[in-house]
Amino acid sequence: MRRASIPGIIFAITSFLAISTAVAKQSDTQQEDSAKSKSEALKAEDRRAIENTVLSDKRVRQIVGEEKPRIYIADPEADKAEAEAFLAGTSEKRPSRRVRAAVFNPKTNKAARVLILLDERRVLEVEEIKADQVPFSREDAEEALALAKENREVQHALGEKMERFSISESGSDARIPFAAQALPLRSTNPRDPCSIDRCLDLIFRTEEGYLPMRAHVDLTKRTVTVETRKRNEGGEHP
C-alpha cells in the first residue's frame, strides 16, 4: 500500500564581572558562528558555476540525457582530511570546498549524483542513481498541480475556484486561502508504477478545511487519478 551542541558549559558565577565576561564571550561565539554560516552558504554566482560545470560534463549527459535537467545542490562541505590537517597545523593549505548535487531529467527519468570541487569548478565523481533517490522540490509540486488542473475530475471537484489554488509548503506560516499540499509517494510494491516513477499526492485546503479528495499524480507518466471520499468532520485532511 502506498503512502507514504554546543557542549554544556558550567559557569561558576562568583561576581558580576564573571557574568559580564561570560556574556561577552557567548556573544562573540554567536557572531563567529553566524559569520561562518554565511561564508559556507552558496552564493548565486557559485550556484551558476556549479550548474554550468555539471551541464558541461559528458558523463552526466550520458546518464541523464541531453535535455536540460533539474539540478539539486547541497550545501558545500570542507574536505575532511584537508580540514583536519590544516587544524592540526600539519598543512598550510586551507581545506577545499566540495559540493554534492543530484541531477534529474524528468523526460528520461534518469538521475545522477555528482561531486564537484567548488574552488576549481571541477567534477570529481559522477554516478548513476535511481530517480526515487532524487529529492522532491517545489518545482515538482508546481508541475503536479499544473497537471492536476488539466484533469476533468479535478476541475469538477475544485469548481470555479480551481485556478486560485497554489502550492503551500509544509511547515510554512504563510496564509494561503486556497492551498494545495504535495505529499511524496514511494512504493515498495514492484507492481506499483510509483515504485519506479516519481509520484505525488495533492491534497487541497480552503479556509473552511480540507476538501474530501486527493489527486494522485505520476510525474513520470504525467497522469492524474482522483480519489474522493465523504468530507471528514473537523476539516481533517483526507
Protein backbone atom coordinates (compact mmCIF):
# COMPACT_ATOMS: atom_id res chain seq x y z
CA MET A 1 0.00 0.00 0.00
CA ARG A 2 1.38 3.40 -0.91
CA ARG A 3 1.81 6.46 1.43
CA ALA A 4 3.99 7.07 2.40
CA SER A 5 25.71 21.03 20.57
CA ILE A 6 27.00 23.31 21.79
CA PRO A 7 28.64 21.38 24.67
CA GLY A 8 27.17 22.12 28.07
CA ILE A 9 29.07 24.83 29.91
CA ILE A 10 29.06 25.01 33.70
CA PHE A 11 29.55 28.54 34.98
CA ALA A 12 30.78 29.21 38.50
CA ILE A 13 29.20 32.59 38.99
CA THR A 14 31.13 34.41 41.69
CA SER A 15 30.84 38.02 40.65
CA PHE A 16 29.21 40.47 38.31
CA LEU A 17 32.47 40.63 36.37
CA ALA A 18 32.38 36.88 35.73
CA ILE A 19 28.83 37.15 34.40
CA SER A 20 29.75 40.03 32.11
CA THR A 21 32.75 38.14 30.76
CA ALA A 22 30.67 35.03 30.07
CA VAL A 23 28.00 37.03 28.22
CA ALA A 24 30.64 38.80 26.12
CA LYS A 25 32.28 35.50 25.15
CA GLN A 26 28.92 33.96 24.25
CA SER A 27 28.08 36.96 22.06
CA ASP A 28 31.43 36.67 20.26
CA THR A 29 30.86 32.96 19.66
CA GLN A 30 27.40 33.55 18.21
CA GLN A 31 28.77 36.22 15.86
CA GLU A 32 31.56 33.88 14.74
CA ASP A 33 29.07 31.03 14.13
CA SER A 34 26.81 33.39 12.16
CA ALA A 35 29.71 34.62 10.02
CA LYS A 36 30.82 31.04 9.43
CA SER A 37 27.31 30.02 8.38
CA LYS A 38 27.11 32.91 5.91
CA SER A 39 30.52 32.10 4.48
CA GLU A 40 29.54 28.46 3.90
CA ALA A 41 26.29 29.33 2.16
CA LEU A 42 26.41 29.15 -1.60
CA LYS A 43 26.34 32.45 -3.44
CA ALA A 44 24.29 32.88 -6.59
CA GLU A 45 27.44 33.00 -8.69
CA ASP A 46 28.61 29.72 -7.14
CA ARG A 47 25.29 28.06 -7.98
CA ARG A 48 25.50 29.22 -11.57
CA ALA A 49 29.08 27.96 -11.80
CA ILE A 50 28.07 24.57 -10.38
CA GLU A 51 25.18 24.24 -12.80
CA ASN A 52 27.40 25.13 -15.77
CA THR A 53 30.06 22.67 -14.61
CA VAL A 54 27.50 19.89 -14.26
CA LEU A 55 25.80 20.59 -17.58
CA SER A 56 29.11 20.60 -19.46
CA ASP A 57 30.20 17.22 -18.09
CA LYS A 58 29.89 14.50 -20.73
CA ARG A 59 29.45 11.75 -18.15
CA VAL A 60 26.39 13.45 -16.70
CA ARG A 61 24.79 13.90 -20.12
CA GLN A 62 25.41 10.25 -20.97
CA ILE A 63 23.44 9.21 -17.90
CA VAL A 64 20.53 11.63 -17.82
CA GLY A 65 20.25 12.63 -21.48
CA GLU A 66 20.88 15.78 -23.46
CA GLU A 67 17.79 17.75 -22.36
CA LYS A 68 18.43 20.34 -19.65
CA PRO A 69 17.94 18.54 -16.32
CA ARG A 70 16.96 19.74 -12.89
CA ILE A 71 19.89 20.20 -10.53
CA TYR A 72 19.53 19.94 -6.76
CA ILE A 73 22.58 21.40 -5.00
CA ALA A 74 23.53 20.66 -1.38
CA ASP A 75 25.46 23.00 0.91
CA PRO A 76 29.25 22.98 0.47
CA GLU A 77 31.43 20.91 2.79
CA ALA A 78 35.13 21.18 3.56
CA ASP A 79 37.31 18.22 2.64
CA LYS A 80 37.54 16.35 5.96
CA ALA A 81 41.17 15.15 5.64
CA GLU A 82 42.39 18.55 4.47
CA ALA A 83 40.47 20.31 7.27
CA GLU A 84 41.97 18.03 9.93
CA ALA A 85 45.49 18.57 8.59
CA PHE A 86 45.00 22.34 8.47
CA LEU A 87 43.64 22.47 12.03
CA ALA A 88 46.43 20.22 13.29
CA GLY A 89 49.00 22.52 11.72
CA THR A 90 50.50 19.80 9.53
CA SER A 91 49.38 21.60 6.39
CA GLU A 92 49.18 25.28 5.45
CA LYS A 93 46.71 24.58 2.67
CA ARG A 94 43.18 25.67 3.51
CA PRO A 95 40.65 22.85 3.03
CA SER A 96 38.96 22.78 -0.36
CA ARG A 97 35.17 23.03 -0.61
CA ARG A 98 33.19 20.22 -2.16
CA VAL A 99 29.57 20.20 -3.22
CA ARG A 100 27.23 17.30 -3.96
CA ALA A 101 24.45 17.68 -6.47
CA ALA A 102 21.65 15.45 -7.69
CA VAL A 103 20.84 15.76 -11.39
CA PHE A 104 17.49 14.61 -12.74
CA ASN A 105 15.94 14.61 -16.21
CA PRO A 106 12.13 14.32 -15.98
CA LYS A 107 11.84 13.30 -19.64
CA THR A 108 14.14 10.28 -19.37
CA ASN A 109 13.51 9.60 -15.66
CA LYS A 110 17.27 9.23 -15.29
CA ALA A 111 19.35 10.67 -12.47
CA ALA A 112 22.95 11.08 -11.36
CA ARG A 113 24.84 12.12 -8.25
CA VAL A 114 27.77 14.48 -8.82
CA LEU A 115 30.63 15.59 -6.57
CA ILE A 116 32.13 18.97 -7.52
CA LEU A 117 35.34 20.61 -6.35
CA LEU A 118 33.86 24.08 -5.92
CA ASP A 119 37.04 26.18 -5.87
CA GLU A 120 38.25 24.66 -9.14
CA ARG A 121 34.80 24.29 -10.75
CA ARG A 122 35.68 20.67 -11.49
CA VAL A 123 33.63 17.46 -11.37
CA LEU A 124 35.33 14.79 -9.26
CA GLU A 125 32.78 11.97 -9.33
CA VAL A 126 29.68 11.01 -11.28
CA GLU A 127 27.45 8.04 -10.52
CA GLU A 128 24.06 6.98 -11.75
CA ILE A 129 21.31 6.75 -9.14
CA LYS A 130 17.66 5.78 -9.18
CA ALA A 131 15.13 8.50 -9.85
CA ASP A 132 13.46 7.88 -6.49
CA GLN A 133 16.71 8.89 -4.77
CA VAL A 134 16.34 12.43 -6.05
CA PRO A 135 14.60 14.74 -3.54
CA PHE A 136 11.29 16.30 -4.49
CA SER A 137 11.30 20.05 -4.93
CA ARG A 138 8.79 22.85 -5.23
CA GLU A 139 9.25 22.62 -8.99
CA ASP A 140 7.89 19.06 -8.83
CA ALA A 141 4.94 20.21 -6.75
CA GLU A 142 4.15 23.04 -9.18
CA GLU A 143 4.30 20.61 -12.10
CA ALA A 144 1.99 18.19 -10.30
CA LEU A 145 -0.55 20.95 -9.61
CA ALA A 146 -0.47 22.08 -13.24
CA LEU A 147 -1.15 18.52 -14.39
CA ALA A 148 -3.96 18.15 -11.86
CA LYS A 149 -5.65 21.34 -13.06
CA GLU A 150 -5.84 19.82 -16.55
CA ASN A 151 -7.76 16.81 -15.25
CA ARG A 152 -11.54 16.90 -15.69
CA GLU A 153 -12.26 15.23 -12.35
CA VAL A 154 -10.10 17.75 -10.54
CA GLN A 155 -11.74 20.60 -12.43
CA HIS A 156 -15.16 19.32 -11.38
CA ALA A 157 -14.12 18.82 -7.74
CA LEU A 158 -12.47 22.23 -7.33
CA GLY A 159 -15.00 24.12 -9.40
CA GLU A 160 -14.68 27.73 -10.47
CA LYS A 161 -12.09 28.47 -7.76
CA MET A 162 -9.64 25.93 -9.16
CA GLU A 163 -7.21 28.49 -10.55
CA ARG A 164 -6.92 30.14 -7.14
CA PHE A 165 -5.22 27.08 -5.65
CA SER A 166 -1.45 27.35 -5.23
CA ILE A 167 1.25 25.25 -3.63
CA SER A 168 1.66 25.58 0.13
CA GLU A 169 4.95 24.35 1.52
CA SER A 170 4.84 22.09 4.56
CA GLY A 171 5.61 24.00 7.76
CA SER A 172 5.11 27.39 6.15
CA ASP A 173 3.27 30.06 8.17
CA ALA A 174 2.08 31.80 5.02
CA ARG A 175 -1.68 32.15 4.89
CA ILE A 176 -2.98 30.78 1.62
CA PRO A 177 -6.80 30.72 1.29
CA PHE A 178 -6.72 28.05 -1.41
CA ALA A 179 -3.77 25.75 -0.77
CA ALA A 180 -2.54 22.58 -2.43
CA GLN A 181 -0.07 20.47 -0.47
CA ALA A 182 2.20 17.92 -2.13
CA LEU A 183 2.93 14.60 -0.43
CA PRO A 184 5.71 12.47 -2.00
CA LEU A 185 4.72 8.89 -2.75
CA ARG A 186 7.11 5.96 -2.57
CA SER A 187 6.10 2.36 -3.13
CA THR A 188 7.87 -0.90 -2.38
CA ASN A 189 5.39 -2.89 -4.45
CA PRO A 190 7.14 -3.78 -7.73
CA ARG A 191 3.73 -3.84 -9.45
CA ASP A 192 3.05 -0.26 -8.45
CA PRO A 193 4.24 2.28 -11.04
CA CYS A 194 5.31 4.55 -8.17
CA SER A 195 7.99 2.04 -7.19
CA ILE A 196 9.86 3.39 -10.24
CA ASP A 197 8.05 6.57 -11.24
CA ARG A 198 8.16 9.86 -9.34
CA CYS A 199 4.73 10.33 -7.80
CA LEU A 200 2.99 12.88 -5.60
CA ASP A 201 -0.34 13.13 -3.84
CA LEU A 202 -2.02 16.52 -3.81
CA ILE A 203 -4.46 17.45 -1.07
CA PHE A 204 -6.48 20.65 -1.19
CA ARG A 205 -7.43 23.04 1.62
CA THR A 206 -9.59 26.13 1.83
CA GLU A 207 -10.26 28.38 4.84
CA GLU A 208 -13.11 26.00 5.70
CA GLY A 209 -10.86 22.94 5.87
CA TYR A 210 -9.57 20.17 3.66
CA LEU A 211 -11.57 19.06 0.65
CA PRO A 212 -12.66 15.40 0.62
CA MET A 213 -10.39 14.46 -2.27
CA ARG A 214 -6.80 13.89 -3.25
CA ALA A 215 -5.14 13.74 -6.64
CA HIS A 216 -2.55 11.05 -7.36
CA VAL A 217 -0.02 12.48 -9.82
CA ASP A 218 2.52 10.35 -11.66
CA LEU A 219 5.08 12.91 -12.79
CA THR A 220 6.90 10.38 -14.94
CA LYS A 221 3.89 9.25 -16.95
CA ARG A 222 2.16 12.63 -16.48
CA THR A 223 -1.09 11.03 -15.39
CA VAL A 224 -3.61 12.06 -12.72
CA THR A 225 -6.16 9.96 -10.87
CA VAL A 226 -8.59 11.32 -8.31
CA GLU A 227 -9.74 9.76 -5.06
CA THR A 228 -12.76 11.22 -3.32
CA ARG A 229 -14.43 10.43 -0.02
CA LYS A 230 -17.04 11.84 2.28
CA ARG A 231 -15.97 15.06 3.97
CA ASN A 232 -14.35 14.39 7.34
CA GLU A 233 -15.72 16.12 10.38
CA GLY A 234 -13.47 18.84 11.76
CA GLY A 235 -11.79 19.59 8.44
CA GLU A 236 -9.12 16.89 8.71
CA HIS A 237 -7.26 16.15 5.52
CA PRO A 238 -8.43 13.12 3.53
